Amino acid sequence: MAVDTATMTTDVQLAPSDAETYAEWFACLAEPMRVRLLHAVAAAGRAVTVGELTERLGISQSTCSHHVRRLADVGFVLLRKERTATLVTVNPACCTGLPHAADAVMGLLAPRPCCPEDLPGDVAVRALEPRDWDAVRRVYAEGIATGNATFETEVPGRRALEEAWLSDHRWVAELDDRVVGFAAARSVSGRPVYAGVAETSVYVGDGVRGRGVGKALVHRQVTAADDAGLWTLQTGIFPENRASLALHHSAGFRTLGLRERIGRHHGVWRDTVFLERRRAED
């Protein structure tokens, strides 16, 4: 797929109190020895004494005590006395607090766009019908041929796709009365707690990429998912497929991380970018 990358703008501001807190955290970690100390405590997986840290890092006890106290003041570690020893443990809250702070500062927690704008007027999106399966499988094959759309090397059979895809979340795009793309969603788990979580796919056929077909499909996909009460959409995309990454970001997906060497494709280990879109709170 090829789409234009839209620039997201937002007037959401980081709260001054949060900015002050995060600045204090980052300032504390601006000292390399504190980073090493925090890592040593976290890697130990248990309470460690200041004496152990002193020996492990090859520093004086006074230097170690000074930096440990600073880490404790900010809240990265917890201290407790046991007889004459001071035991140091990681504050569990910082395991989520630090990543949250980084995400907040980088704008990853700001409101995301609902879906792409400037949809093409000549692309029609409708529910997939039985007569569309041959065209859908043709588009699937054209995606496989790119080498960057899927781990699949052969087009799944119709029955397999019918069983995998949610019946109310199958869409095709038509251009000049011809099916040129499709979007689908499948459940990630049979457990009731994950009933509102689905994995999505969007494919655009050869020869029509760059004409907004992907935009039209993902727009219908995410708005229908929102209307149906699906609260989380997720997908995995090869890093090389930059157009698909841009398309999903324009639809409110955010990157959660890179899954390194997650699977072999034609005998080669490939990475995928894991993205997620959360339904807006009611």
C-alpha atoms as a PDB file:
ATOM      1  CA  MET A   1       0.000   0.000   0.000  1.00  0.00           C
ATOM      2  CA  ALA A   2       1.086   3.569  -0.568  1.00  0.00           C
ATOM      3  CA  VAL A   3      -0.551   6.503   1.177  1.00  0.00           C
ATOM      4  CA  ASP A   4       0.350  10.072   1.989  1.00  0.00           C
ATOM      5  CA  THR A   5       1.498  10.552   5.556  1.00  0.00           C
ATOM      6  CA  ALA A   6      -0.664  13.142   7.303  1.00  0.00           C
ATOM      7  CA  THR A   7       0.801  15.286  10.048  1.00  0.00           C
ATOM      8  CA  MET A   8      -1.125  14.987  13.279  1.00  0.00           C
ATOM      9  CA  THR A   9      -1.647  18.212  15.190  1.00  0.00           C
ATOM     10  CA  THR A  10      -3.034  18.577  18.683  1.00  0.00           C
ATOM     11  CA  ASP A  11      -3.329  21.370  21.213  1.00  0.00           C
ATOM     12  CA  VAL A  12      -3.078  18.987  24.181  1.00  0.00           C
ATOM     13  CA  GLN A  13      -0.484  20.229  26.669  1.00  0.00           C
ATOM     14  CA  LEU A  14       1.462  18.303  29.279  1.00  0.00           C
ATOM     15  CA  ALA A  15       0.321  19.386  32.745  1.00  0.00           C
ATOM     16  CA  PRO A  16       2.937  21.564  34.514  1.00  0.00           C
ATOM     17  CA  SER A  17       2.871  19.291  37.570  1.00  0.00           C
ATOM     18  CA  ASP A  18       3.566  16.234  35.417  1.00  0.00           C
ATOM     19  CA  ALA A  19       6.333  18.052  33.568  1.00  0.00           C
ATOM     20  CA  GLU A  20       7.947  18.965  36.883  1.00  0.00           C
ATOM     21  CA  THR A  21       7.754  15.372  38.122  1.00  0.00           C
ATOM     22  CA  TYR A  22       9.179  13.919  34.922  1.00  0.00           C
ATOM     23  CA  ALA A  23      11.956  16.493  34.833  1.00  0.00           C
ATOM     24  CA  GLU A  24      12.950  15.459  38.354  1.00  0.00           C
ATOM     25  CA  TRP A  25      13.032  11.813  37.316  1.00  0.00           C
ATOM     26  CA  PHE A  26      15.118  12.487  34.229  1.00  0.00           C
ATOM     27  CA  ALA A  27      17.475  14.767  36.166  1.00  0.00           C
ATOM     28  CA  CYS A  28      18.057  12.009  38.690  1.00  0.00           C
ATOM     29  CA  LEU A  29      18.963   9.576  35.927  1.00  0.00           C
ATOM     30  CA  ALA A  30      21.261  12.094  34.238  1.00  0.00           C
ATOM     31  CA  GLU A  31      23.991  10.740  36.547  1.00  0.00           C
ATOM     32  CA  PRO A  32      25.393   7.519  34.964  1.00  0.00           C
ATOM     33  CA  MET A  33      26.211   5.978  38.344  1.00  0.00           C
ATOM     34  CA  ARG A  34      22.570   6.200  39.386  1.00  0.00           C
ATOM     35  CA  VAL A  35      21.543   4.467  36.182  1.00  0.00           C
ATOM     36  CA  ARG A  36      24.036   1.703  36.930  1.00  0.00           C
ATOM     37  CA  LEU A  37      22.820   1.418  40.507  1.00  0.00           C
ATOM     38  CA  LEU A  38      19.159   1.269  39.507  1.00  0.00           C
ATOM     39  CA  HIS A  39      19.966  -1.394  36.931  1.00  0.00           C
ATOM     40  CA  ALA A  40      21.960  -3.419  39.469  1.00  0.00           C
ATOM     41  CA  VAL A  41      19.079  -3.397  41.942  1.00  0.00           C
ATOM     42  CA  ALA A  42      16.495  -4.238  39.273  1.00  0.00           C
ATOM     43  CA  ALA A  43      18.625  -7.024  37.783  1.00  0.00           C
ATOM     44  CA  ALA A  44      19.187  -8.606  41.203  1.00  0.00           C
ATOM     45  CA  GLY A  45      15.490  -9.412  41.505  1.00  0.00           C
ATOM     46  CA  ARG A  46      15.679  -9.224  45.299  1.00  0.00           C
ATOM     47  CA  ALA A  47      16.588  -6.870  48.096  1.00  0.00           C
ATOM     48  CA  VAL A  48      20.308  -6.023  48.067  1.00  0.00           C
ATOM     49  CA  THR A  49      22.400  -4.242  50.655  1.00  0.00           C
ATOM     50  CA  VAL A  50      24.360  -1.083  50.080  1.00  0.00           C
ATOM     51  CA  GLY A  51      27.443  -3.153  50.834  1.00  0.00           C
ATOM     52  CA  GLU A  52      26.650  -5.556  47.996  1.00  0.00           C
ATOM     53  CA  LEU A  53      26.117  -2.664  45.588  1.00  0.00           C
ATOM     54  CA  THR A  54      29.372  -1.065  46.679  1.00  0.00           C
ATOM     55  CA  GLU A  55      31.279  -4.246  45.949  1.00  0.00           C
ATOM     56  CA  ARG A  56      29.479  -4.986  42.685  1.00  0.00           C
ATOM     57  CA  LEU A  57      30.064  -1.550  41.191  1.00  0.00           C
ATOM     58  CA  GLY A  58      33.501  -0.950  42.673  1.00  0.00           C
ATOM     59  CA  ILE A  59      32.676   2.351  44.380  1.00  0.00           C
ATOM     60  CA  SER A  60      33.036   3.648  47.898  1.00  0.00           C
ATOM     61  CA  GLN A  61      30.255   3.127  50.417  1.00  0.00           C
ATOM     62  CA  SER A  62      29.764   6.856  50.846  1.00  0.00           C
ATOM     63  CA  THR A  63      29.356   7.351  47.085  1.00  0.00           C
ATOM     64  CA  CYS A  64      26.961   4.408  46.893  1.00  0.00           C
ATOM     65  CA  SER A  65      24.885   5.631  49.844  1.00  0.00           C
ATOM     66  CA  HIS A  66      24.658   9.135  48.358  1.00  0.00           C
ATOM     67  CA  HIS A  67      23.315   7.924  44.998  1.00  0.00           C
ATOM     68  CA  VAL A  68      21.006   5.324  46.541  1.00  0.00           C
ATOM     69  CA  ARG A  69      19.510   8.042  48.751  1.00  0.00           C
ATOM     70  CA  ARG A  70      18.920  10.220  45.690  1.00  0.00           C
ATOM     71  CA  LEU A  71      17.193   7.329  43.892  1.00  0.00           C
ATOM     72  CA  ALA A  72      15.041   6.768  46.970  1.00  0.00           C
ATOM     73  CA  ASP A  73      14.125  10.464  47.242  1.00  0.00           C
ATOM     74  CA  VAL A  74      12.785  10.419  43.695  1.00  0.00           C
ATOM     75  CA  GLY A  75      10.999   7.112  44.266  1.00  0.00           C
ATOM     76  CA  PHE A  76      12.927   4.735  42.035  1.00  0.00           C
ATOM     77  CA  VAL A  77      14.009   2.505  44.931  1.00  0.00           C
ATOM     78  CA  LEU A  78      12.688   1.634  48.366  1.00  0.00           C
ATOM     79  CA  LEU A  79      14.877   1.391  51.463  1.00  0.00           C
ATOM     80  CA  ARG A  80      14.388  -0.522  54.653  1.00  0.00           C
ATOM     81  CA  LYS A  81      16.606  -1.212  57.626  1.00  0.00           C
ATOM     82  CA  GLU A  82      17.382  -4.735  58.758  1.00  0.00           C
ATOM     83  CA  ARG A  83      19.567  -4.602  61.840  1.00  0.00           C
ATOM     84  CA  THR A  84      22.606  -2.610  60.737  1.00  0.00           C
ATOM     85  CA  ALA A  85      22.135  -3.149  57.000  1.00  0.00           C
ATOM     86  CA  THR A  86      20.152  -1.016  54.543  1.00  0.00           C
ATOM     87  CA  LEU A  87      18.213  -3.139  52.041  1.00  0.00           C
ATOM     88  CA  VAL A  88      17.444  -1.675  48.626  1.00  0.00           C
ATOM     89  CA  THR A  89      14.626  -2.821  46.320  1.00  0.00           C
ATOM     90  CA  VAL A  90      13.120  -1.409  43.146  1.00  0.00           C
ATOM     91  CA  ASN A  91       9.902   0.507  43.607  1.00  0.00           C
ATOM     92  CA  PRO A  92       7.444  -1.545  41.472  1.00  0.00           C
ATOM     93  CA  ALA A  93       5.658   1.642  40.449  1.00  0.00           C
ATOM     94  CA  CYS A  94       8.664   2.850  38.500  1.00  0.00           C
ATOM     95  CA  CYS A  95       8.462  -0.178  36.191  1.00  0.00           C
ATOM     96  CA  THR A  96       5.366   1.399  34.656  1.00  0.00           C
ATOM     97  CA  GLY A  97       5.988   5.004  35.689  1.00  0.00           C
ATOM     98  CA  LEU A  98       9.165   5.460  33.670  1.00  0.00           C
ATOM     99  CA  PRO A  99       7.761   4.100  30.374  1.00  0.00           C
ATOM    100  CA  HIS A 100       4.594   6.143  30.966  1.00  0.00           C
ATOM    101  CA  ALA A 101       6.656   9.306  31.444  1.00  0.00           C
ATOM    102  CA  ALA A 102       8.568   8.706  28.223  1.00  0.00           C
ATOM    103  CA  ASP A 103       5.340   8.076  26.306  1.00  0.00           C
ATOM    104  CA  ALA A 104       3.693  11.179  27.759  1.00  0.00           C
ATOM    105  CA  VAL A 105       6.623  13.453  26.912  1.00  0.00           C
ATOM    106  CA  MET A 106       6.838  12.075  23.370  1.00  0.00           C
ATOM    107  CA  GLY A 107       3.120  12.628  22.806  1.00  0.00           C
ATOM    108  CA  LEU A 108       2.239   8.946  22.485  1.00  0.00           C
ATOM    109  CA  LEU A 109      -0.531   9.295  25.061  1.00  0.00           C
ATOM    110  CA  ALA A 110      -2.129  12.301  23.409  1.00  0.00           C
ATOM    111  CA  PRO A 111      -5.515  11.825  21.748  1.00  0.00           C
ATOM    112  CA  ARG A 112      -5.077  10.032  18.442  1.00  0.00           C
ATOM    113  CA  PRO A 113      -6.953  10.835  15.249  1.00  0.00           C
ATOM    114  CA  CYS A 114     -10.128   8.845  14.668  1.00  0.00           C
ATOM    115  CA  CYS A 115      -9.378   7.954  11.090  1.00  0.00           C
ATOM    116  CA  PRO A 116      -7.903   9.307   7.842  1.00  0.00           C
ATOM    117  CA  GLU A 117      -9.354  12.432   6.289  1.00  0.00           C
ATOM    118  CA  ASP A 118      -9.621  13.417   2.612  1.00  0.00           C
ATOM    119  CA  LEU A 119     -11.145  10.104   1.580  1.00  0.00           C
ATOM    120  CA  PRO A 120     -11.176   9.464  -2.178  1.00  0.00           C
ATOM    121  CA  GLY A 121     -14.508  10.108  -3.825  1.00  0.00           C
ATOM    122  CA  ASP A 122     -14.136   7.349  -6.387  1.00  0.00           C
ATOM    123  CA  VAL A 123     -13.561   4.481  -3.934  1.00  0.00           C
ATOM    124  CA  ALA A 124     -16.617   2.710  -2.507  1.00  0.00           C
ATOM    125  CA  VAL A 125     -16.357   0.474   0.550  1.00  0.00           C
ATOM    126  CA  ARG A 126     -19.033  -2.098   1.332  1.00  0.00           C
ATOM    127  CA  ALA A 127     -19.471  -5.356   3.227  1.00  0.00           C
ATOM    128  CA  LEU A 128     -17.837  -8.400   1.664  1.00  0.00           C
ATOM    129  CA  GLU A 129     -20.346 -10.594  -0.174  1.00  0.00           C
ATOM    130  CA  PRO A 130     -20.056 -14.248  -1.249  1.00  0.00           C
ATOM    131  CA  ARG A 131     -19.417 -13.184  -4.842  1.00  0.00           C
ATOM    132  CA  ASP A 132     -16.309 -11.254  -3.755  1.00  0.00           C
ATOM    133  CA  TRP A 133     -14.192 -14.154  -2.528  1.00  0.00           C
ATOM    134  CA  ASP A 134     -12.310 -14.756  -5.776  1.00  0.00           C
ATOM    135  CA  ALA A 135     -11.415 -11.063  -5.990  1.00  0.00           C
ATOM    136  CA  VAL A 136     -10.417 -10.959  -2.322  1.00  0.00           C
ATOM    137  CA  ARG A 137      -8.103 -13.926  -2.755  1.00  0.00           C
ATOM    138  CA  ARG A 138      -6.620 -12.274  -5.869  1.00  0.00           C
ATOM    139  CA  VAL A 139      -5.827  -9.121  -3.883  1.00  0.00           C
ATOM    140  CA  TYR A 140      -4.410 -11.296  -1.103  1.00  0.00           C
ATOM    141  CA  ALA A 141      -2.082 -12.940  -3.651  1.00  0.00           C
ATOM    142  CA  GLU A 142      -0.951  -9.528  -4.908  1.00  0.00           C
ATOM    143  CA  GLY A 143      -0.124  -8.560  -1.329  1.00  0.00           C
ATOM    144  CA  ILE A 144       1.884 -11.743  -0.801  1.00  0.00           C
ATOM    145  CA  ALA A 145       3.819 -10.977  -3.991  1.00  0.00           C
ATOM    146  CA  THR A 146       5.159  -7.734  -2.516  1.00  0.00           C
ATOM    147  CA  GLY A 147       7.089  -9.684   0.121  1.00  0.00           C
ATOM    148  CA  ASN A 148       6.222  -7.148   2.814  1.00  0.00           C
ATOM    149  CA  ALA A 149       2.522  -7.665   3.469  1.00  0.00           C
ATOM    150  CA  THR A 150       2.316 -10.941   5.382  1.00  0.00           C
ATOM    151  CA  PHE A 151       4.169 -14.013   6.593  1.00  0.00           C
ATOM    152  CA  GLU A 152       1.843 -16.084   4.400  1.00  0.00           C
ATOM    153  CA  THR A 153       3.449 -17.508   1.280  1.00  0.00           C
ATOM    154  CA  GLU A 154       0.232 -18.938  -0.160  1.00  0.00           C
ATOM    155  CA  VAL A 155      -3.283 -17.526  -0.194  1.00  0.00           C
ATOM    156  CA  PRO A 156      -5.450 -19.175   2.477  1.00  0.00           C
ATOM    157  CA  GLY A 157      -8.547 -20.973   1.236  1.00  0.00           C
ATOM    158  CA  ARG A 158     -11.961 -19.335   1.346  1.00  0.00           C
ATOM    159  CA  ARG A 159     -13.199 -21.601   4.133  1.00  0.00           C
ATOM    160  CA  ALA A 160     -10.173 -20.788   6.301  1.00  0.00           C
ATOM    161  CA  LEU A 161     -10.724 -17.054   5.830  1.00  0.00           C
ATOM    162  CA  GLU A 162     -14.460 -17.307   6.493  1.00  0.00           C
ATOM    163  CA  GLU A 163     -13.783 -19.139   9.732  1.00  0.00           C
ATOM    164  CA  ALA A 164     -11.054 -16.734  10.840  1.00  0.00           C
ATOM    165  CA  TRP A 165     -12.592 -13.361   9.987  1.00  0.00           C
ATOM    166  CA  LEU A 166     -15.337 -11.781  12.072  1.00  0.00           C
ATOM    167  CA  SER A 167     -18.493 -11.839   9.967  1.00  0.00           C
ATOM    168  CA  ASP A 168     -19.418  -8.207  10.655  1.00  0.00           C
ATOM    169  CA  HIS A 169     -15.951  -6.857   9.997  1.00  0.00           C
ATOM    170  CA  ARG A 170     -15.165  -7.862   6.411  1.00  0.00           C
ATOM    171  CA  TRP A 171     -14.996  -5.035   3.897  1.00  0.00           C
ATOM    172  CA  VAL A 172     -14.094  -4.664   0.237  1.00  0.00           C
ATOM    173  CA  ALA A 173     -13.156  -1.540  -1.689  1.00  0.00           C
ATOM    174  CA  GLU A 174     -14.375  -0.998  -5.237  1.00  0.00           C
ATOM    175  CA  LEU A 175     -12.857   1.252  -7.854  1.00  0.00           C
ATOM    176  CA  ASP A 176     -14.514   1.437 -11.268  1.00  0.00           C
ATOM    177  CA  ASP A 177     -16.847  -1.400 -10.201  1.00  0.00           C
ATOM    178  CA  ARG A 178     -13.886  -3.697  -9.487  1.00  0.00           C
ATOM    179  CA  VAL A 179     -12.798  -5.038  -6.095  1.00  0.00           C
ATOM    180  CA  VAL A 180      -9.329  -3.606  -5.487  1.00  0.00           C
ATOM    181  CA  GLY A 181      -8.817  -4.089  -1.757  1.00  0.00           C
ATOM    182  CA  PHE A 182     -10.192  -5.563   1.414  1.00  0.00           C
ATOM    183  CA  ALA A 183     -10.045  -5.149   5.190  1.00  0.00           C
ATOM    184  CA  ALA A 184     -10.838  -7.766   7.804  1.00  0.00           C
ATOM    185  CA  ALA A 185     -10.616  -8.409  11.528  1.00  0.00           C
ATOM    186  CA  ARG A 186     -10.274 -11.602  13.547  1.00  0.00           C
ATOM    187  CA  SER A 187     -10.593 -12.365  17.258  1.00  0.00           C
ATOM    188  CA  VAL A 188      -7.329 -12.621  19.160  1.00  0.00           C
ATOM    189  CA  SER A 189      -8.731 -15.048  21.728  1.00  0.00           C
ATOM    190  CA  GLY A 190     -11.780 -17.125  22.534  1.00  0.00           C
ATOM    191  CA  ARG A 191     -11.741 -15.953  26.157  1.00  0.00           C
ATOM    192  CA  PRO A 192     -14.672 -13.647  27.026  1.00  0.00           C
ATOM    193  CA  VAL A 193     -12.381 -11.034  28.577  1.00  0.00           C
ATOM    194  CA  TYR A 194     -10.878 -10.401  25.116  1.00  0.00           C
ATOM    195  CA  ALA A 195     -14.197 -10.256  23.276  1.00  0.00           C
ATOM    196  CA  GLY A 196     -13.579  -6.639  22.262  1.00  0.00           C
ATOM    197  CA  VAL A 197     -10.025  -7.162  20.996  1.00  0.00           C
ATOM    198  CA  ALA A 198      -9.409  -7.904  17.316  1.00  0.00           C
ATOM    199  CA  GLU A 199      -6.449  -8.242  14.968  1.00  0.00           C
ATOM    200  CA  THR A 200      -6.872  -6.321  11.722  1.00  0.00           C
ATOM    201  CA  SER A 201      -5.626  -6.606   8.146  1.00  0.00           C
ATOM    202  CA  VAL A 202      -5.799  -4.196   5.211  1.00  0.00           C
ATOM    203  CA  TYR A 203      -4.766  -5.167   1.662  1.00  0.00           C
ATOM    204  CA  VAL A 204      -4.693  -3.023  -1.472  1.00  0.00           C
ATOM    205  CA  GLY A 205      -4.320  -4.595  -4.880  1.00  0.00           C
ATOM    206  CA  ASP A 206      -1.561  -4.079  -7.392  1.00  0.00           C
ATOM    207  CA  GLY A 207      -1.926  -1.088  -9.699  1.00  0.00           C
ATOM    208  CA  VAL A 208      -4.166   1.016  -7.429  1.00  0.00           C
ATOM    209  CA  ARG A 209      -1.842   1.711  -4.503  1.00  0.00           C
ATOM    210  CA  GLY A 210      -1.521   5.395  -3.753  1.00  0.00           C
ATOM    211  CA  ARG A 211      -5.103   6.217  -4.792  1.00  0.00           C
ATOM    212  CA  GLY A 212      -6.575   6.282  -1.291  1.00  0.00           C
ATOM    213  CA  VAL A 213      -7.990   2.761  -1.282  1.00  0.00           C
ATOM    214  CA  GLY A 214      -6.223   1.967   1.996  1.00  0.00           C
ATOM    215  CA  LYS A 215      -7.563   5.176   3.557  1.00  0.00           C
ATOM    216  CA  ALA A 216     -11.130   4.318   2.603  1.00  0.00           C
ATOM    217  CA  LEU A 217     -10.810   0.774   3.921  1.00  0.00           C
ATOM    218  CA  VAL A 218      -9.200   1.605   7.253  1.00  0.00           C
ATOM    219  CA  HIS A 219     -11.702   4.429   7.784  1.00  0.00           C
ATOM    220  CA  ARG A 220     -14.602   1.980   7.453  1.00  0.00           C
ATOM    221  CA  GLN A 221     -12.772  -0.639   9.495  1.00  0.00           C
ATOM    222  CA  VAL A 222     -12.102   1.521  12.552  1.00  0.00           C
ATOM    223  CA  THR A 223     -15.427   3.364  12.571  1.00  0.00           C
ATOM    224  CA  ALA A 224     -17.326   0.083  12.286  1.00  0.00           C
ATOM    225  CA  ALA A 225     -15.217  -1.389  15.082  1.00  0.00           C
ATOM    226  CA  ASP A 226     -15.980   1.617  17.279  1.00  0.00           C
ATOM    227  CA  ASP A 227     -19.702   1.354  16.545  1.00  0.00           C
ATOM    228  CA  ALA A 228     -19.661  -2.364  17.332  1.00  0.00           C
ATOM    229  CA  GLY A 229     -17.983  -1.862  20.704  1.00  0.00           C
ATOM    230  CA  LEU A 230     -14.591  -3.353  19.872  1.00  0.00           C
ATOM    231  CA  TRP A 231     -12.306  -1.538  22.297  1.00  0.00           C
ATOM    232  CA  THR A 232      -8.909  -2.576  20.969  1.00  0.00           C
ATOM    233  CA  LEU A 233      -7.625  -3.183  17.454  1.00  0.00           C
ATOM    234  CA  GLN A 234      -4.115  -4.505  16.980  1.00  0.00           C
ATOM    235  CA  THR A 235      -1.914  -5.400  14.046  1.00  0.00           C
ATOM    236  CA  GLY A 236       1.635  -6.406  13.171  1.00  0.00           C
ATOM    237  CA  ILE A 237       3.404  -4.807  10.196  1.00  0.00           C
ATOM    238  CA  PHE A 238       6.823  -5.404   8.686  1.00  0.00           C
ATOM    239  CA  PRO A 239       9.066  -2.346   9.364  1.00  0.00           C
ATOM    240  CA  GLU A 240       9.803  -2.171   5.637  1.00  0.00           C
ATOM    241  CA  ASN A 241       6.119  -1.518   4.893  1.00  0.00           C
ATOM    242  CA  ARG A 242       6.296   2.179   5.707  1.00  0.00           C
ATOM    243  CA  ALA A 243       3.131   3.034   3.784  1.00  0.00           C
ATOM    244  CA  SER A 244       1.075   0.643   5.902  1.00  0.00           C
ATOM    245  CA  LEU A 245       2.618   2.016   9.100  1.00  0.00           C
ATOM    246  CA  ALA A 246       1.700   5.566   8.053  1.00  0.00           C
ATOM    247  CA  LEU A 247      -1.819   4.472   7.135  1.00  0.00           C
ATOM    248  CA  HIS A 248      -2.421   2.889  10.527  1.00  0.00           C
ATOM    249  CA  HIS A 249      -0.964   5.842  12.412  1.00  0.00           C
ATOM    250  CA  SER A 250      -3.421   8.076  10.541  1.00  0.00           C
ATOM    251  CA  ALA A 251      -6.239   5.875  11.870  1.00  0.00           C
ATOM    252  CA  GLY A 252      -5.285   6.264  15.524  1.00  0.00           C
ATOM    253  CA  PHE A 253      -2.970   3.265  15.914  1.00  0.00           C
ATOM    254  CA  ARG A 254       0.155   3.794  17.982  1.00  0.00           C
ATOM    255  CA  THR A 255       3.347   1.791  17.943  1.00  0.00           C
ATOM    256  CA  LEU A 256       3.785  -0.341  21.044  1.00  0.00           C
ATOM    257  CA  GLY A 257       7.090  -1.897  20.104  1.00  0.00           C
ATOM    258  CA  LEU A 258       9.215  -3.921  17.722  1.00  0.00           C
ATOM    259  CA  ARG A 259       8.897  -7.698  17.876  1.00  0.00           C
ATOM    260  CA  GLU A 260      12.363  -8.810  16.855  1.00  0.00           C
ATOM    261  CA  ARG A 261      12.833 -12.020  14.873  1.00  0.00           C
ATOM    262  CA  ILE A 262       9.212 -12.957  15.523  1.00  0.00           C
ATOM    263  CA  GLY A 263       8.949 -15.335  12.566  1.00  0.00           C
ATOM    264  CA  ARG A 264      10.726 -16.746   9.537  1.00  0.00           C
ATOM    265  CA  HIS A 265       9.710 -15.619   6.068  1.00  0.00           C
ATOM    266  CA  HIS A 266      11.212 -17.504   3.129  1.00  0.00           C
ATOM    267  CA  GLY A 267      13.859 -18.791   5.520  1.00  0.00           C
ATOM    268  CA  VAL A 268      14.774 -15.336   6.867  1.00  0.00           C
ATOM    269  CA  TRP A 269      13.962 -14.039  10.351  1.00  0.00           C
ATOM    270  CA  ARG A 270      11.706 -10.962  10.134  1.00  0.00           C
ATOM    271  CA  ASP A 271      10.708  -8.292  12.637  1.00  0.00           C
ATOM    272  CA  THR A 272       7.243  -6.786  12.965  1.00  0.00           C
ATOM    273  CA  VAL A 273       6.073  -3.491  14.394  1.00  0.00           C
ATOM    274  CA  PHE A 274       3.243  -4.080  16.861  1.00  0.00           C
ATOM    275  CA  LEU A 275       0.528  -1.404  16.776  1.00  0.00           C
ATOM    276  CA  GLU A 276      -2.637  -0.885  18.785  1.00  0.00           C
ATOM    277  CA  ARG A 277      -5.680   1.357  18.539  1.00  0.00           C
ATOM    278  CA  ARG A 278      -7.902   1.945  21.555  1.00  0.00           C
ATOM    279  CA  ARG A 279     -11.504   3.003  21.221  1.00  0.00           C
ATOM    280  CA  ALA A 280     -12.147   6.461  22.649  1.00  0.00           C
ATOM    281  CA  GLU A 281     -13.684   6.485  26.122  1.00  0.00           C
ATOM    282  CA  ASP A 282     -17.444   7.036  26.156  1.00  0.00           C
END
